[in-house]
Each structure stands twice: as C-alpha cells, then as structure tokens.
Amino acid sequence: IGRSMHQYYTVDSAALDYLLFGTVFASESKPGLEAAGVGALARAVARSTRPVLAVGGVTPARTGACLDAGASGVAAIGTFLPPGRSADGMGVGPAVRAFREALSRIC
C-alpha cells in the first residue's frame, strides 16, 4: 500500500509500505504543477520511515540524482510512451533498457 504526495507533510505511515514523492522534475502529465526538485525529495526521504520513490519527470538520465537524494527507486510514465507521444518518450523496450543501464551504473 502506498501513498502519493506532492509536498512532504506528516503522514501516519504505519499502514503504508512506501511513499511516492513528486513531482520531482517538470512533467508533461502534470502541466502547471511546479517541480519540487531533488532537494525536496531528499527532505522527504529524511523524514520518512518508509521507502520513498521519486516520480514526475523522471528519466534514465535523472535516475542517479533521485537515488543520490535517497530515493529507494523511481517511477515513470512519459519515458515509456512511444517517441513523439511525450518529449522523453522512448517506447517500452528502449526505456526499460535505458533505466536498467542507468541503474547498473549506480548500483
């Protein structure tokens, strides 16, 4: 069971397995929503007793910054869309390979 949050606030995390924090970077799926940035992600991680996943504008190239901020993982949508459907769209296969490559360099 998880919960999504756009800014860190006190959460009774006793019943939660994880938190999704975002929007970390500007995201086409949330137009007009100001990006919180990796600093806010790091503060959310520091305050949480549960794993925190970064979401919002996450790409393979930005994965390292999210993990460096303490995120336990990342979530993405736009990168998995076909090219042309999103500015960062790569399609499922290429996106999976790019995320795996990014994670292998980090982990």
Protein backbone atom coordinates (compact mmCIF):
# COMPACT_ATOMS: atom_id res chain seq x y z
CA ILE A 1 0.00 0.00 0.00
CA GLY A 2 1.43 3.35 -0.99
CA ARG A 3 0.56 7.00 -0.94
CA SER A 4 1.47 9.75 -3.38
CA MET A 5 2.40 13.19 -2.12
CA HIS A 6 3.43 16.39 -3.84
CA GLN A 7 4.99 18.02 -0.82
CA TYR A 8 6.18 16.34 2.31
CA TYR A 9 3.80 16.51 5.19
CA THR A 10 3.41 14.37 8.27
CA VAL A 11 1.94 11.05 7.25
CA ASP A 12 0.89 8.26 9.54
CA SER A 13 2.94 5.69 7.68
CA ALA A 14 2.04 2.75 9.92
CA ALA A 15 -0.26 1.29 7.28
CA LEU A 16 1.92 2.23 4.30
CA ASP A 17 4.57 0.18 2.54
CA TYR A 18 6.00 3.09 0.51
CA LEU A 19 5.51 6.72 -0.49
CA LEU A 20 5.67 8.28 -3.96
CA PHE A 21 7.14 11.79 -3.89
CA GLY A 22 6.75 14.20 -6.78
CA THR A 23 6.60 15.96 -8.97
CA VAL A 24 10.40 15.98 -8.69
CA PHE A 25 11.04 17.41 -12.18
CA ALA A 26 8.70 19.23 -14.56
CA SER A 27 6.32 16.71 -16.06
CA GLU A 28 4.08 16.79 -19.12
CA SER A 29 1.50 14.69 -17.27
CA LYS A 30 1.16 17.39 -14.59
CA PRO A 31 1.31 20.66 -16.54
CA GLY A 32 1.42 23.74 -14.37
CA LEU A 33 2.47 21.81 -11.27
CA GLU A 34 5.72 23.27 -10.00
CA ALA A 35 8.55 20.76 -9.73
CA ALA A 36 9.62 20.17 -6.15
CA GLY A 37 13.22 19.32 -7.06
CA VAL A 38 15.70 16.82 -5.67
CA GLY A 39 16.28 18.90 -2.52
CA ALA A 40 12.64 18.49 -1.52
CA LEU A 41 12.89 14.80 -2.38
CA ALA A 42 15.89 14.46 -0.06
CA ARG A 43 13.99 16.20 2.76
CA ALA A 44 11.01 13.86 2.28
CA VAL A 45 13.30 10.83 2.38
CA ALA A 46 14.95 12.09 5.58
CA ARG A 47 11.56 12.47 7.29
CA SER A 48 10.06 9.19 6.15
CA THR A 49 10.17 5.86 7.93
CA ARG A 50 9.13 4.14 4.70
CA PRO A 51 10.83 3.80 1.29
CA VAL A 52 10.26 6.83 -0.94
CA LEU A 53 10.02 6.54 -4.73
CA ALA A 54 10.65 9.58 -6.93
CA VAL A 55 8.04 10.38 -9.59
CA GLY A 56 7.40 13.20 -12.01
CA GLY A 57 9.65 13.96 -14.96
CA VAL A 58 11.91 11.03 -14.08
CA THR A 59 14.06 9.81 -16.97
CA PRO A 60 17.01 7.42 -17.10
CA ALA A 61 19.36 10.42 -17.07
CA ARG A 62 17.72 11.78 -13.89
CA THR A 63 17.62 8.46 -12.03
CA GLY A 64 21.03 8.98 -10.43
CA ALA A 65 20.03 12.35 -8.96
CA CYS A 66 16.91 10.76 -7.43
CA LEU A 67 18.86 7.90 -5.87
CA ASP A 68 21.58 10.29 -4.69
CA ALA A 69 18.82 12.21 -2.88
CA GLY A 70 17.97 8.99 -1.03
CA ALA A 71 15.03 7.69 -3.05
CA SER A 72 14.61 3.93 -2.89
CA GLY A 73 13.55 3.86 -6.52
CA VAL A 74 11.88 5.78 -9.33
CA ALA A 75 8.60 5.68 -11.21
CA ALA A 76 7.95 6.99 -14.71
CA ILE A 77 5.25 7.23 -17.34
CA GLY A 78 6.33 9.59 -20.12
CA THR A 79 9.60 7.82 -20.85
CA PHE A 80 7.69 4.60 -21.62
CA LEU A 81 5.38 6.26 -24.15
CA PRO A 82 6.19 5.91 -27.86
CA PRO A 83 8.51 8.54 -29.33
CA GLY A 84 6.51 11.63 -30.21
CA ARG A 85 3.80 10.99 -27.60
CA SER A 86 5.98 12.58 -24.92
CA ALA A 87 9.08 14.76 -25.05
CA ASP A 88 11.00 12.00 -23.27
CA GLY A 89 9.10 9.10 -24.89
CA MET A 90 11.32 6.19 -25.92
CA GLY A 91 8.86 3.30 -26.09
CA VAL A 92 8.69 0.46 -23.59
CA GLY A 93 11.65 -1.66 -24.72
CA PRO A 94 14.15 1.17 -25.13
CA ALA A 95 13.00 2.80 -21.87
CA VAL A 96 13.43 -0.43 -19.91
CA ARG A 97 16.93 -0.86 -21.34
CA ALA A 98 17.84 2.77 -20.59
CA PHE A 99 16.60 2.55 -16.98
CA ARG A 100 18.45 -0.75 -16.48
CA GLU A 101 21.63 0.79 -17.86
CA ALA A 102 21.25 3.85 -15.62
CA LEU A 103 20.66 1.69 -12.56
CA SER A 104 23.59 -0.61 -13.37
CA ARG A 105 25.92 2.38 -13.37
CA ILE A 106 24.63 3.45 -9.95
CA CYS A 107 24.00 0.21 -8.08
